[in-house]
């Protein structure tokens, strides 16, 4: 379970407050977190493309070009999810249950 904490200097800024002075070292992402983000970035970008296609289709009457664009974006998201699942299937998580 991760705890949600606040940084008092950020929440209640005083006159002598300097930006980010109260942040601890733990606030920075770890190497493992950065690796996970990098591993998931193709899926994140595919999700963004799908959202873009859906937003573009909302601004005008339905047409075949928008439908194809959304269909291709959905297929890309599904392919990226499949690829991510296949890449992480053999990975072990430290501290996980046996």
Protein backbone atom coordinates (compact mmCIF):
# COMPACT_ATOMS: atom_id res chain seq x y z
CA UNK A 1 0.00 0.00 0.00
CA UNK A 2 1.38 3.37 -0.94
CA UNK A 3 0.77 6.32 1.34
CA UNK A 4 -0.45 9.63 0.02
CA UNK A 5 1.47 12.46 1.62
CA UNK A 6 1.64 16.18 1.16
CA UNK A 7 4.65 18.42 1.29
CA UNK A 8 3.80 21.19 3.73
CA UNK A 9 6.02 23.76 2.01
CA UNK A 10 4.17 23.27 -1.26
CA UNK A 11 0.70 23.29 0.30
CA UNK A 12 1.19 26.36 2.46
CA UNK A 13 3.83 28.58 0.92
CA UNK A 14 5.37 31.10 3.27
CA UNK A 15 7.38 34.24 2.52
CA UNK A 16 10.71 32.43 2.83
CA UNK A 17 9.53 29.48 0.75
CA UNK A 18 11.67 28.42 -2.19
CA UNK A 19 10.28 26.19 -4.93
CA UNK A 20 10.97 22.49 -4.42
CA UNK A 21 13.04 23.13 -1.28
CA UNK A 22 10.86 20.80 0.77
CA UNK A 23 10.83 17.91 -1.69
CA UNK A 24 12.66 14.86 -0.48
CA UNK A 25 14.75 12.55 -2.62
CA UNK A 26 11.93 10.01 -2.68
CA UNK A 27 9.79 12.32 -4.81
CA UNK A 28 11.93 11.63 -7.89
CA UNK A 29 11.03 8.56 -9.96
CA UNK A 30 13.26 5.59 -9.44
CA UNK A 31 15.14 3.89 -12.26
CA UNK A 32 12.60 1.06 -12.15
CA UNK A 33 9.71 3.51 -12.52
CA UNK A 34 11.42 5.25 -15.44
CA UNK A 35 12.02 1.86 -17.08
CA UNK A 36 8.34 0.98 -16.64
CA UNK A 37 7.29 4.27 -18.23
CA UNK A 38 9.64 3.65 -21.14
CA UNK A 39 8.29 0.13 -21.53
CA UNK A 40 4.68 1.40 -21.58
CA UNK A 41 5.29 4.46 -23.76
CA UNK A 42 4.21 2.81 -27.06
CA UNK A 43 0.87 1.92 -25.46
CA UNK A 44 0.51 5.42 -24.04
CA UNK A 45 1.17 6.96 -27.45
CA UNK A 46 -1.32 4.58 -29.09
CA UNK A 47 -3.95 5.59 -26.51
CA UNK A 48 -3.27 9.26 -27.26
CA UNK A 49 -3.69 8.63 -30.99
CA UNK A 50 -7.02 6.89 -30.32
CA UNK A 51 -8.22 9.83 -28.23
CA UNK A 52 -7.15 12.26 -30.95
CA UNK A 53 -9.09 10.29 -33.56
CA UNK A 54 -12.17 10.18 -31.35
CA UNK A 55 -12.00 13.91 -30.60
CA UNK A 56 -11.63 14.76 -34.29
CA UNK A 57 -14.68 12.63 -35.09
CA UNK A 58 -16.77 14.46 -32.49
CA UNK A 59 -16.46 17.81 -34.26
CA UNK A 60 -18.16 16.77 -37.51
CA UNK A 61 -20.82 14.43 -38.86
CA UNK A 62 -19.89 10.75 -38.96
CA UNK A 63 -18.04 9.68 -42.10
CA UNK A 64 -16.10 6.67 -43.32
CA UNK A 65 -12.67 8.30 -43.03
CA UNK A 66 -13.14 9.03 -39.32
CA UNK A 67 -14.51 5.54 -38.74
CA UNK A 68 -11.42 4.01 -40.38
CA UNK A 69 -9.11 6.30 -38.42
CA UNK A 70 -10.72 5.26 -35.14
CA UNK A 71 -10.72 1.58 -36.13
CA UNK A 72 -7.00 1.70 -37.01
CA UNK A 73 -6.22 3.50 -33.73
CA UNK A 74 -8.18 0.89 -31.73
CA UNK A 75 -6.30 -1.91 -33.49
CA UNK A 76 -3.00 -0.22 -32.71
CA UNK A 77 -3.96 0.09 -29.03
CA UNK A 78 -4.89 -3.60 -28.92
CA UNK A 79 -1.64 -4.57 -30.64
CA UNK A 80 0.41 -2.48 -28.19
CA UNK A 81 -1.45 -4.02 -25.24
CA UNK A 82 -0.71 -7.49 -26.62
CA UNK A 83 2.96 -6.64 -27.17
CA UNK A 84 3.27 -5.15 -23.68
CA UNK A 85 1.68 -8.22 -22.12
CA UNK A 86 4.05 -10.47 -24.07
CA UNK A 87 7.10 -8.39 -23.08
CA UNK A 88 6.18 -8.39 -19.39
CA UNK A 89 4.91 -11.98 -19.17
CA UNK A 90 8.30 -13.36 -18.18
CA UNK A 91 9.26 -10.43 -15.97
CA UNK A 92 9.31 -10.88 -12.22
CA UNK A 93 8.22 -8.23 -9.81
CA UNK A 94 10.44 -7.82 -6.74
CA UNK A 95 8.59 -8.37 -3.50
CA UNK A 96 5.68 -10.10 -5.18
CA UNK A 97 3.75 -13.00 -3.74
CA UNK A 98 5.06 -16.49 -4.37
